[in-house]
């Protein structure tokens, strides 16, 4: 079986070669499109948690990594929200945590995590997560969480 072809003096992978990035990207697009959740969300989350060619330092990869990061962040956030709605809280938390690992300052991932804690009835966890995120933003960027994020926990702390 030929895995590399030469077409018009250029090398390319033969059509029979399956590229895992293409497969996972298709699954990610399904998660964003609100397709039914996968039977094994843990497997998808693990695949979406992987960086694109992490040991390579080629300049052309900078933009491709940013594209991949955006695809996987949106997919993880969509999947976490769907899992929360379905009451699958452990899977939802793990999914949202994976998104926060990819981009620690991205508010939407932290907000979804707080919403999951609230849905579970874990008020203290929700407030703790908010305060940790607030400290991170202050330390790294000297900014505060958005008003939307703050409103999420405001009612929990005013008693």
Foldseek 3Di string as FASTA:
>chain_A
DDQWDQDPNDIDGDPVDDDVVVVLLVVLVCLLVVHPADPCLVVSLVVLLDFDPVVDDDPVCPVVRVVSLVSSLSSLLSNLQVCLVVVVLVSSLSSLVSSCVSPVLDVSSLLSNLVSCVSVVNLVVSVVSQVVNQVVCCVPPNDGDDPVSVVSNPVVPDD
